[in-house]
Amino acid sequence: MAIHSLLKDNRLQVVEDIKIAQPKTKIVSAIYAKWKAPTNSYLLVQKVDANLLRASRNIPHVKVTDVASFNTYECLLARKVFITK
């Protein structure tokens, strides 16, 4: 039901996989700006990369998590969910 509400409200977006060589917040921030990610957004990845996690932890209200850890509560709280291919 929660995923259905994401689809119905057009809050789910499929994006290309993110690979960054250095854990720089500036790189991830530019990617989020390109996607126009609102606050309380989630980026779901197959496996969390250490560089991606480090680079995104300083960006407030945007969380990176793996698909297995994403739960219904987070799904309902999220204004936008970005999921990698």
N, C-alpha and C. Protein backbone atom coordinates (compact mmCIF):
# COMPACT_ATOMS: atom_id res chain seq x y z
N MET A 1 0.81 -1.20 0.00
CA MET A 1 0.00 0.00 0.00
C MET A 1 0.86 1.27 0.00
N ALA A 2 1.95 1.24 0.74
CA ALA A 2 2.81 2.42 0.82
C ALA A 2 3.49 2.69 -0.52
N ILE A 3 3.97 1.63 -1.17
CA ILE A 3 4.59 1.79 -2.49
C ILE A 3 3.55 2.28 -3.49
N HIS A 4 2.34 1.79 -3.36
CA HIS A 4 1.27 2.24 -4.24
C HIS A 4 1.04 3.75 -4.11
N SER A 5 1.11 4.26 -2.90
CA SER A 5 0.92 5.71 -2.71
C SER A 5 2.08 6.49 -3.33
N LEU A 6 3.30 5.94 -3.28
CA LEU A 6 4.44 6.60 -3.94
C LEU A 6 4.20 6.69 -5.44
N LEU A 7 3.74 5.61 -6.02
CA LEU A 7 3.48 5.59 -7.47
C LEU A 7 2.32 6.51 -7.84
N LYS A 8 1.27 6.45 -7.07
CA LYS A 8 0.07 7.25 -7.36
C LYS A 8 0.36 8.74 -7.29
N ASP A 9 1.16 9.14 -6.30
CA ASP A 9 1.47 10.56 -6.10
C ASP A 9 2.70 11.02 -6.89
N ASN A 10 3.23 10.13 -7.73
CA ASN A 10 4.40 10.44 -8.56
C ASN A 10 5.60 10.86 -7.70
N ARG A 11 5.83 10.10 -6.62
CA ARG A 11 6.94 10.40 -5.71
C ARG A 11 8.05 9.37 -5.82
N LEU A 12 7.99 8.50 -6.81
CA LEU A 12 9.02 7.49 -7.03
C LEU A 12 9.68 7.75 -8.36
N GLN A 13 11.00 7.81 -8.37
CA GLN A 13 11.73 8.09 -9.60
C GLN A 13 12.89 7.11 -9.73
N VAL A 14 13.02 6.50 -10.89
CA VAL A 14 14.12 5.58 -11.16
C VAL A 14 15.26 6.38 -11.77
N VAL A 15 16.46 6.21 -11.23
CA VAL A 15 17.63 6.97 -11.68
C VAL A 15 18.78 6.01 -11.98
N GLU A 16 19.78 6.52 -12.66
CA GLU A 16 20.97 5.73 -12.95
C GLU A 16 21.76 5.49 -11.66
N ASP A 17 22.51 4.41 -11.63
CA ASP A 17 23.34 4.08 -10.48
C ASP A 17 24.41 5.15 -10.29
N ILE A 18 24.70 5.48 -9.05
CA ILE A 18 25.69 6.51 -8.73
C ILE A 18 27.00 5.83 -8.31
N LYS A 19 28.05 6.18 -9.00
CA LYS A 19 29.39 5.71 -8.64
C LYS A 19 30.28 6.95 -8.50
N ILE A 20 30.80 7.15 -7.31
CA ILE A 20 31.71 8.28 -7.09
C ILE A 20 33.05 7.74 -6.60
N ALA A 21 34.12 8.35 -7.07
CA ALA A 21 35.46 7.89 -6.72
C ALA A 21 35.92 8.45 -5.38
N GLN A 22 35.48 9.67 -5.06
CA GLN A 22 35.90 10.32 -3.82
C GLN A 22 34.67 10.67 -3.00
N PRO A 23 34.76 10.58 -1.68
CA PRO A 23 33.62 10.92 -0.83
C PRO A 23 33.47 12.43 -0.64
N LYS A 24 33.06 13.11 -1.70
CA LYS A 24 32.89 14.56 -1.67
C LYS A 24 31.41 14.93 -1.65
N THR A 25 31.01 15.67 -0.63
CA THR A 25 29.63 16.11 -0.50
C THR A 25 29.21 16.97 -1.68
N LYS A 26 30.12 17.74 -2.20
CA LYS A 26 29.83 18.63 -3.32
C LYS A 26 29.33 17.85 -4.55
N ILE A 27 29.90 16.69 -4.80
CA ILE A 27 29.50 15.86 -5.94
C ILE A 27 28.07 15.35 -5.76
N VAL A 28 27.78 14.81 -4.60
CA VAL A 28 26.45 14.27 -4.33
C VAL A 28 25.41 15.38 -4.27
N SER A 29 25.78 16.51 -3.71
CA SER A 29 24.87 17.64 -3.65
C SER A 29 24.49 18.12 -5.05
N ALA A 30 25.43 18.12 -5.96
CA ALA A 30 25.14 18.50 -7.35
C ALA A 30 24.19 17.50 -8.01
N ILE A 31 24.35 16.24 -7.71
CA ILE A 31 23.45 15.21 -8.26
C ILE A 31 22.04 15.42 -7.73
N TYR A 32 21.91 15.65 -6.44
CA TYR A 32 20.59 15.89 -5.85
C TYR A 32 19.95 17.16 -6.41
N ALA A 33 20.75 18.18 -6.65
CA ALA A 33 20.23 19.42 -7.21
C ALA A 33 19.72 19.17 -8.64
N LYS A 34 20.44 18.35 -9.38
CA LYS A 34 20.00 18.02 -10.75
C LYS A 34 18.67 17.27 -10.73
N TRP A 35 18.49 16.42 -9.73
CA TRP A 35 17.23 15.67 -9.60
C TRP A 35 16.13 16.51 -8.96
N LYS A 36 16.47 17.66 -8.44
CA LYS A 36 15.53 18.51 -7.69
C LYS A 36 14.94 17.74 -6.50
N ALA A 37 15.81 17.16 -5.73
CA ALA A 37 15.41 16.35 -4.58
C ALA A 37 14.91 17.25 -3.45
N PRO A 38 13.66 17.08 -3.04
CA PRO A 38 13.14 17.87 -1.92
C PRO A 38 13.67 17.33 -0.59
N THR A 39 13.37 18.03 0.48
CA THR A 39 13.74 17.52 1.80
C THR A 39 12.97 16.23 2.06
N ASN A 40 13.48 15.44 2.95
CA ASN A 40 12.92 14.12 3.27
C ASN A 40 12.87 13.21 2.05
N SER A 41 13.95 13.18 1.31
CA SER A 41 14.08 12.29 0.16
C SER A 41 14.96 11.09 0.55
N TYR A 42 14.73 10.00 -0.15
CA TYR A 42 15.52 8.80 0.06
C TYR A 42 16.12 8.37 -1.27
N LEU A 43 17.36 7.91 -1.21
CA LEU A 43 18.01 7.30 -2.35
C LEU A 43 18.19 5.83 -2.00
N LEU A 44 17.53 4.97 -2.75
CA LEU A 44 17.62 3.53 -2.52
C LEU A 44 18.58 2.92 -3.51
N VAL A 45 19.56 2.20 -2.99
CA VAL A 45 20.56 1.55 -3.83
C VAL A 45 20.58 0.06 -3.50
N GLN A 46 21.11 -0.73 -4.42
CA GLN A 46 21.22 -2.17 -4.19
C GLN A 46 22.15 -2.46 -3.01
N LYS A 47 23.32 -1.83 -3.05
CA LYS A 47 24.31 -1.97 -1.97
C LYS A 47 24.90 -0.60 -1.71
N VAL A 48 24.96 -0.20 -0.45
CA VAL A 48 25.46 1.12 -0.09
C VAL A 48 26.97 1.15 -0.24
N ASP A 49 27.44 2.06 -1.07
CA ASP A 49 28.87 2.28 -1.28
C ASP A 49 29.39 3.18 -0.17
N ALA A 50 30.57 2.88 0.35
CA ALA A 50 31.14 3.66 1.46
C ALA A 50 31.37 5.12 1.07
N ASN A 51 31.85 5.36 -0.16
CA ASN A 51 32.09 6.74 -0.60
C ASN A 51 30.78 7.51 -0.74
N LEU A 52 29.76 6.86 -1.25
CA LEU A 52 28.46 7.52 -1.40
C LEU A 52 27.86 7.84 -0.04
N LEU A 53 27.96 6.93 0.87
CA LEU A 53 27.43 7.16 2.22
C LEU A 53 28.15 8.30 2.92
N ARG A 54 29.47 8.34 2.82
CA ARG A 54 30.25 9.43 3.42
C ARG A 54 29.92 10.77 2.80
N ALA A 55 29.79 10.79 1.49
CA ALA A 55 29.55 12.05 0.79
C ALA A 55 28.15 12.59 1.05
N SER A 56 27.20 11.72 1.31
CA SER A 56 25.83 12.18 1.48
C SER A 56 25.41 12.40 2.92
N ARG A 57 26.22 12.00 3.87
CA ARG A 57 25.80 12.12 5.26
C ARG A 57 25.75 13.56 5.76
N ASN A 58 26.42 14.49 5.09
CA ASN A 58 26.39 15.90 5.49
C ASN A 58 25.25 16.68 4.85
N ILE A 59 24.49 16.03 4.00
CA ILE A 59 23.37 16.69 3.34
C ILE A 59 22.12 16.43 4.18
N PRO A 60 21.54 17.48 4.74
CA PRO A 60 20.39 17.28 5.64
C PRO A 60 19.14 16.82 4.89
N HIS A 61 18.39 15.96 5.53
CA HIS A 61 17.07 15.51 5.07
C HIS A 61 17.08 14.68 3.80
N VAL A 62 18.23 14.20 3.38
CA VAL A 62 18.31 13.28 2.25
C VAL A 62 19.09 12.07 2.73
N LYS A 63 18.47 10.91 2.66
CA LYS A 63 19.08 9.71 3.23
C LYS A 63 19.38 8.69 2.15
N VAL A 64 20.49 8.00 2.32
CA VAL A 64 20.88 6.91 1.43
C VAL A 64 20.73 5.61 2.20
N THR A 65 20.05 4.66 1.62
CA THR A 65 19.87 3.36 2.26
C THR A 65 19.77 2.28 1.20
N ASP A 66 19.98 1.05 1.62
CA ASP A 66 19.82 -0.04 0.66
C ASP A 66 18.36 -0.48 0.64
N VAL A 67 18.00 -1.17 -0.39
CA VAL A 67 16.60 -1.56 -0.61
C VAL A 67 16.11 -2.46 0.52
N ALA A 68 16.95 -3.32 1.02
CA ALA A 68 16.55 -4.26 2.07
C ALA A 68 16.23 -3.56 3.38
N SER A 69 16.83 -2.41 3.64
CA SER A 69 16.61 -1.68 4.90
C SER A 69 15.45 -0.69 4.84
N PHE A 70 14.96 -0.40 3.65
CA PHE A 70 13.87 0.57 3.49
C PHE A 70 12.58 -0.04 4.01
N ASN A 71 11.90 0.68 4.90
CA ASN A 71 10.69 0.13 5.50
C ASN A 71 9.46 0.99 5.20
N THR A 72 8.31 0.51 5.62
CA THR A 72 7.05 1.19 5.34
C THR A 72 6.99 2.57 5.96
N TYR A 73 7.48 2.71 7.16
CA TYR A 73 7.46 4.01 7.83
C TYR A 73 8.24 5.05 7.03
N GLU A 74 9.45 4.68 6.59
CA GLU A 74 10.25 5.60 5.77
C GLU A 74 9.56 5.90 4.45
N CYS A 75 8.89 4.91 3.92
CA CYS A 75 8.17 5.09 2.65
C CYS A 75 7.07 6.13 2.79
N LEU A 76 6.37 6.09 3.89
CA LEU A 76 5.29 7.06 4.11
C LEU A 76 5.82 8.45 4.43
N LEU A 77 6.97 8.55 5.08
CA LEU A 77 7.55 9.85 5.41
C LEU A 77 8.19 10.55 4.22
N ALA A 78 8.66 9.77 3.27
CA ALA A 78 9.44 10.32 2.16
C ALA A 78 8.57 11.18 1.23
N ARG A 79 9.11 12.36 0.92
CA ARG A 79 8.45 13.21 -0.06
C ARG A 79 8.77 12.73 -1.47
N LYS A 80 9.98 12.15 -1.64
CA LYS A 80 10.41 11.63 -2.94
C LYS A 80 11.37 10.48 -2.68
N VAL A 81 11.25 9.42 -3.46
CA VAL A 81 12.14 8.27 -3.36
C VAL A 81 12.81 8.07 -4.71
N PHE A 82 14.13 8.06 -4.70
CA PHE A 82 14.91 7.81 -5.90
C PHE A 82 15.47 6.41 -5.77
N ILE A 83 15.24 5.57 -6.76
CA ILE A 83 15.72 4.19 -6.72
C ILE A 83 16.61 3.96 -7.93
N THR A 84 17.76 3.34 -7.69
CA THR A 84 18.70 3.12 -8.80
C THR A 84 18.29 1.89 -9.60
N LYS A 85 18.71 1.89 -10.86
CA LYS A 85 18.39 0.76 -11.74
C LYS A 85 19.15 -0.47 -11.34
